[in-house]
Structures are given as structure tokens and as C-alpha cells.
Amino acid sequence: MDLIALIAENAPWAWIILGLALLALELLVPGVFMVWLGGAAILTGLTVLQVGIGWPLQWGLFGVLSLALVAGWLAYSRYRDANAPQGTEPQLNARTTRLLGRESVLIEPISDGVGRIRVDDTVWRVSGPELPEGTTVRITGARGAVLEVEPVR
């Protein structure tokens, strides 16, 4: 028996199996995109199971459902992101920006533009003008994990 004829005879189940295969593919390919195509295929299969329609209309229905589900998800995710509550700690994962303005004492002199300070329980590399050990400095910026400092007058 010809494979295409077999699929044509069992069109609803072919769509449902295709949808399940796309959902399974989503487990391997991240991005939450195949979910919507798989859902559209399953909905197409269920529709064809209830209402016998020809192949051209089935493909059209699948296309429309795919676009509708993807567009609906994008609209929902944009709405969700725009209305997400702001955290109580906006700089939670930005340690260096939380340190701006703080003062500390050099535990290693700044020579050739690089030295070290201790802030709380962490030793940080700093860059700034040549300064001796024991000088009190203020953190003015950061480049990656290197803090920029200036002497406190």
C-alpha cells in the first residue's frame, strides 16, 4: 500500500501523530516554538476527525492555527513581561553596581593602575591612580569585575 494513500485515508490520525511528534521534538529543541505547531497539528487532526475536509483545507487550517497560536503566545508573553512586578532588589545580580559610592581601604597599593580592596568579605581588584596601601578610596565605577576607584579627600 502506498504511504501517501495510507496517510490520506487516516488524515485525522496523521495530523494528531504529527502534532505529538512536534511536541516530542520540543523536548529536544528549546525555544517553545514546536509546542504551538504541535498544538496546531493536533487541533487540525481533531477538526478533521469531526468534520471531514479535504487536504487543501486541512493545510490551510493548520497554517491559520499555527499563526494564531504563535501570535497569541507572542502577544501574551509581551503582555506578561510588560506587566511583571518589579523586584524589591533591582540590582540583585549586579554586584558591582551595588558597590558604587562605597568607601574602602586599599589592602594592596595601586601600582601600574591595579590594586586590591576588601569590601565586606570579598577582595576586589581595583583600577585607579597610583595610591599607597591603607589609602581610603571610593568606588566610582566598574569594568567587568574590576572596580574603578578614586581617593577620598
C-alpha atoms as a PDB file:
ATOM      1  CA  MET A   1       0.000   0.000   0.000  1.00  0.00           C
ATOM      2  CA  ASP A   2       1.265   3.450  -0.835  1.00  0.00           C
ATOM      3  CA  LEU A   3       2.301   5.541   2.200  1.00  0.00           C
ATOM      4  CA  ILE A   4       0.653   8.711   0.889  1.00  0.00           C
ATOM      5  CA  ALA A   5      -2.610   6.851   0.314  1.00  0.00           C
ATOM      6  CA  LEU A   6      -2.413   5.448   3.862  1.00  0.00           C
ATOM      7  CA  ILE A   7      -1.911   8.942   5.302  1.00  0.00           C
ATOM      8  CA  ALA A   8      -4.747  10.336   3.156  1.00  0.00           C
ATOM      9  CA  GLU A   9      -7.129   7.624   4.391  1.00  0.00           C
ATOM     10  CA  ASN A  10      -6.226   8.304   8.025  1.00  0.00           C
ATOM     11  CA  ALA A  11      -5.775  12.076   7.812  1.00  0.00           C
ATOM     12  CA  PRO A  12      -7.071  12.919  11.315  1.00  0.00           C
ATOM     13  CA  TRP A  13      -4.711  10.443  12.947  1.00  0.00           C
ATOM     14  CA  ALA A  14      -1.838  11.559  10.741  1.00  0.00           C
ATOM     15  CA  TRP A  15      -2.309  15.128  11.984  1.00  0.00           C
ATOM     16  CA  ILE A  16      -2.530  14.000  15.606  1.00  0.00           C
ATOM     17  CA  ILE A  17       0.607  11.856  15.260  1.00  0.00           C
ATOM     18  CA  LEU A  18       2.408  14.758  13.565  1.00  0.00           C
ATOM     19  CA  GLY A  19       1.345  17.010  16.451  1.00  0.00           C
ATOM     20  CA  LEU A  20       2.630  14.549  19.036  1.00  0.00           C
ATOM     21  CA  ALA A  21       5.899  14.219  17.119  1.00  0.00           C
ATOM     22  CA  LEU A  22       6.286  18.006  17.101  1.00  0.00           C
ATOM     23  CA  LEU A  23       5.590  18.120  20.835  1.00  0.00           C
ATOM     24  CA  ALA A  24       8.224  15.428  21.371  1.00  0.00           C
ATOM     25  CA  LEU A  25      10.639  17.411  19.201  1.00  0.00           C
ATOM     26  CA  GLU A  26      10.150  20.377  21.528  1.00  0.00           C
ATOM     27  CA  LEU A  27      11.846  18.321  24.241  1.00  0.00           C
ATOM     28  CA  LEU A  28      14.992  18.207  22.102  1.00  0.00           C
ATOM     29  CA  VAL A  29      14.872  21.697  20.588  1.00  0.00           C
ATOM     30  CA  PRO A  30      14.477  24.502  23.138  1.00  0.00           C
ATOM     31  CA  GLY A  31      12.558  27.635  22.354  1.00  0.00           C
ATOM     32  CA  VAL A  32       8.852  26.882  22.931  1.00  0.00           C
ATOM     33  CA  PHE A  33       8.094  27.065  19.226  1.00  0.00           C
ATOM     34  CA  MET A  34       7.312  23.480  18.279  1.00  0.00           C
ATOM     35  CA  VAL A  35       4.685  23.402  21.034  1.00  0.00           C
ATOM     36  CA  TRP A  36       2.479  25.760  19.058  1.00  0.00           C
ATOM     37  CA  LEU A  37       2.988  23.920  15.773  1.00  0.00           C
ATOM     38  CA  GLY A  38       2.271  20.619  17.515  1.00  0.00           C
ATOM     39  CA  GLY A  39      -0.835  22.090  19.107  1.00  0.00           C
ATOM     40  CA  ALA A  40      -1.998  23.374  15.718  1.00  0.00           C
ATOM     41  CA  ALA A  41      -1.463  19.927  14.179  1.00  0.00           C
ATOM     42  CA  ILE A  42      -3.427  18.217  16.965  1.00  0.00           C
ATOM     43  CA  LEU A  43      -6.260  20.757  16.671  1.00  0.00           C
ATOM     44  CA  THR A  44      -6.267  20.226  12.899  1.00  0.00           C
ATOM     45  CA  GLY A  45      -6.477  16.466  13.418  1.00  0.00           C
ATOM     46  CA  LEU A  46      -9.350  16.805  15.879  1.00  0.00           C
ATOM     47  CA  THR A  47     -11.168  19.141  13.490  1.00  0.00           C
ATOM     48  CA  VAL A  48     -10.689  16.749  10.567  1.00  0.00           C
ATOM     49  CA  LEU A  49     -11.910  13.912  12.794  1.00  0.00           C
ATOM     50  CA  GLN A  50     -15.150  15.814  13.453  1.00  0.00           C
ATOM     51  CA  VAL A  51     -15.605  17.455  10.050  1.00  0.00           C
ATOM     52  CA  GLY A  52     -14.241  15.660   7.001  1.00  0.00           C
ATOM     53  CA  ILE A  53     -12.420  18.273   4.936  1.00  0.00           C
ATOM     54  CA  GLY A  54     -10.005  17.857   2.045  1.00  0.00           C
ATOM     55  CA  TRP A  55      -6.230  18.160   2.148  1.00  0.00           C
ATOM     56  CA  PRO A  56      -6.017  21.744   0.866  1.00  0.00           C
ATOM     57  CA  LEU A  57      -8.364  22.950   3.606  1.00  0.00           C
ATOM     58  CA  GLN A  58      -6.519  20.860   6.190  1.00  0.00           C
ATOM     59  CA  TRP A  59      -3.232  22.541   5.307  1.00  0.00           C
ATOM     60  CA  GLY A  60      -4.923  25.927   5.327  1.00  0.00           C
ATOM     61  CA  LEU A  61      -6.437  25.225   8.736  1.00  0.00           C
ATOM     62  CA  PHE A  62      -3.055  24.075  10.038  1.00  0.00           C
ATOM     63  CA  GLY A  63      -1.422  27.278   8.749  1.00  0.00           C
ATOM     64  CA  VAL A  64      -4.067  29.531  10.263  1.00  0.00           C
ATOM     65  CA  LEU A  65      -3.975  27.710  13.612  1.00  0.00           C
ATOM     66  CA  SER A  66      -0.165  27.808  13.661  1.00  0.00           C
ATOM     67  CA  LEU A  67      -0.103  31.542  13.038  1.00  0.00           C
ATOM     68  CA  ALA A  68      -2.863  32.169  15.568  1.00  0.00           C
ATOM     69  CA  LEU A  69      -1.193  30.126  18.315  1.00  0.00           C
ATOM     70  CA  VAL A  70       2.264  31.638  17.750  1.00  0.00           C
ATOM     71  CA  ALA A  71       0.860  35.190  17.544  1.00  0.00           C
ATOM     72  CA  GLY A  72      -1.264  34.579  20.644  1.00  0.00           C
ATOM     73  CA  TRP A  73       1.750  33.331  22.587  1.00  0.00           C
ATOM     74  CA  LEU A  74       3.898  36.285  21.498  1.00  0.00           C
ATOM     75  CA  ALA A  75       1.173  38.757  22.474  1.00  0.00           C
ATOM     76  CA  TYR A  76       0.687  37.056  25.841  1.00  0.00           C
ATOM     77  CA  SER A  77       4.426  36.930  26.598  1.00  0.00           C
ATOM     78  CA  ARG A  78       4.848  40.620  25.721  1.00  0.00           C
ATOM     79  CA  TYR A  79       1.892  41.494  27.946  1.00  0.00           C
ATOM     80  CA  ARG A  80       3.257  39.329  30.758  1.00  0.00           C
ATOM     81  CA  ASP A  81       6.737  40.856  30.516  1.00  0.00           C
ATOM     82  CA  ALA A  82       5.381  44.403  30.407  1.00  0.00           C
ATOM     83  CA  ASN A  83       3.187  43.824  33.471  1.00  0.00           C
ATOM     84  CA  ALA A  84       5.660  41.779  35.503  1.00  0.00           C
ATOM     85  CA  PRO A  85       6.098  43.158  39.020  1.00  0.00           C
ATOM     86  CA  GLN A  86       9.421  44.825  39.613  1.00  0.00           C
ATOM     87  CA  GLY A  87      11.616  43.074  42.128  1.00  0.00           C
ATOM     88  CA  THR A  88      12.346  44.566  45.511  1.00  0.00           C
ATOM     89  CA  GLU A  89      16.058  44.334  44.689  1.00  0.00           C
ATOM     90  CA  PRO A  90      16.540  45.664  41.130  1.00  0.00           C
ATOM     91  CA  GLN A  91      20.330  45.233  41.275  1.00  0.00           C
ATOM     92  CA  LEU A  92      20.215  41.707  42.672  1.00  0.00           C
ATOM     93  CA  ASN A  93      22.557  40.209  40.084  1.00  0.00           C
ATOM     94  CA  ALA A  94      24.631  43.345  39.524  1.00  0.00           C
ATOM     95  CA  ARG A  95      27.065  43.201  42.424  1.00  0.00           C
ATOM     96  CA  THR A  96      29.392  45.859  41.097  1.00  0.00           C
ATOM     97  CA  THR A  97      26.646  48.460  40.677  1.00  0.00           C
ATOM     98  CA  ARG A  98      25.565  47.887  44.273  1.00  0.00           C
ATOM     99  CA  LEU A  99      29.046  48.889  45.377  1.00  0.00           C
ATOM    100  CA  LEU A 100      29.080  52.297  43.669  1.00  0.00           C
ATOM    101  CA  GLY A 101      29.740  55.099  46.146  1.00  0.00           C
ATOM    102  CA  ARG A 102      31.030  52.825  48.906  1.00  0.00           C
ATOM    103  CA  GLU A 103      34.334  53.540  50.571  1.00  0.00           C
ATOM    104  CA  SER A 104      37.017  51.043  51.469  1.00  0.00           C
ATOM    105  CA  VAL A 105      40.719  50.881  52.330  1.00  0.00           C
ATOM    106  CA  LEU A 106      43.358  49.587  49.902  1.00  0.00           C
ATOM    107  CA  ILE A 107      44.852  46.315  51.140  1.00  0.00           C
ATOM    108  CA  GLU A 108      47.317  46.316  48.255  1.00  0.00           C
ATOM    109  CA  PRO A 109      48.723  49.507  46.724  1.00  0.00           C
ATOM    110  CA  ILE A 110      47.610  50.570  43.271  1.00  0.00           C
ATOM    111  CA  SER A 111      50.673  50.257  41.086  1.00  0.00           C
ATOM    112  CA  ASP A 112      50.599  50.160  37.306  1.00  0.00           C
ATOM    113  CA  GLY A 113      46.913  51.011  37.599  1.00  0.00           C
ATOM    114  CA  VAL A 114      45.896  47.871  39.563  1.00  0.00           C
ATOM    115  CA  GLY A 115      45.443  47.197  43.292  1.00  0.00           C
ATOM    116  CA  ARG A 116      43.085  45.429  45.716  1.00  0.00           C
ATOM    117  CA  ILE A 117      40.478  46.382  48.308  1.00  0.00           C
ATOM    118  CA  ARG A 118      38.326  44.386  50.679  1.00  0.00           C
ATOM    119  CA  VAL A 119      34.585  45.083  50.628  1.00  0.00           C
ATOM    120  CA  ASP A 120      32.709  43.105  53.262  1.00  0.00           C
ATOM    121  CA  ASP A 121      34.069  39.568  52.855  1.00  0.00           C
ATOM    122  CA  THR A 122      35.331  39.872  49.271  1.00  0.00           C
ATOM    123  CA  VAL A 123      38.653  41.068  47.888  1.00  0.00           C
ATOM    124  CA  TRP A 124      38.221  43.078  44.684  1.00  0.00           C
ATOM    125  CA  ARG A 125      40.702  44.149  42.045  1.00  0.00           C
ATOM    126  CA  VAL A 126      40.628  47.885  41.550  1.00  0.00           C
ATOM    127  CA  SER A 127      41.980  50.304  38.998  1.00  0.00           C
ATOM    128  CA  GLY A 128      42.806  53.933  39.549  1.00  0.00           C
ATOM    129  CA  PRO A 129      45.650  56.360  40.143  1.00  0.00           C
ATOM    130  CA  GLU A 130      48.845  55.270  41.911  1.00  0.00           C
ATOM    131  CA  LEU A 131      47.998  55.094  45.643  1.00  0.00           C
ATOM    132  CA  PRO A 132      49.745  53.513  48.642  1.00  0.00           C
ATOM    133  CA  GLU A 133      48.337  50.696  50.764  1.00  0.00           C
ATOM    134  CA  GLY A 134      45.977  51.919  53.503  1.00  0.00           C
ATOM    135  CA  THR A 135      44.507  54.768  51.431  1.00  0.00           C
ATOM    136  CA  THR A 136      40.743  55.191  51.721  1.00  0.00           C
ATOM    137  CA  VAL A 137      39.121  55.066  48.288  1.00  0.00           C
ATOM    138  CA  ARG A 138      35.605  55.497  46.901  1.00  0.00           C
ATOM    139  CA  ILE A 139      34.215  53.136  44.255  1.00  0.00           C
ATOM    140  CA  THR A 140      33.181  55.185  41.215  1.00  0.00           C
ATOM    141  CA  GLY A 141      32.555  52.571  38.540  1.00  0.00           C
ATOM    142  CA  ALA A 142      33.246  49.087  37.308  1.00  0.00           C
ATOM    143  CA  ARG A 143      34.554  47.376  34.198  1.00  0.00           C
ATOM    144  CA  GLY A 144      33.523  43.758  34.495  1.00  0.00           C
ATOM    145  CA  ALA A 145      34.800  42.574  37.882  1.00  0.00           C
ATOM    146  CA  VAL A 146      37.396  45.346  38.239  1.00  0.00           C
ATOM    147  CA  LEU A 147      36.236  48.286  40.327  1.00  0.00           C
ATOM    148  CA  GLU A 148      37.287  51.817  39.439  1.00  0.00           C
ATOM    149  CA  VAL A 149      38.268  53.880  42.472  1.00  0.00           C
ATOM    150  CA  GLU A 150      39.418  57.370  43.407  1.00  0.00           C
ATOM    151  CA  PRO A 151      40.977  58.574  46.648  1.00  0.00           C
ATOM    152  CA  VAL A 152      38.682  60.084  49.259  1.00  0.00           C
ATOM    153  CA  ARG A 153      39.788  63.634  50.034  1.00  0.00           C
END
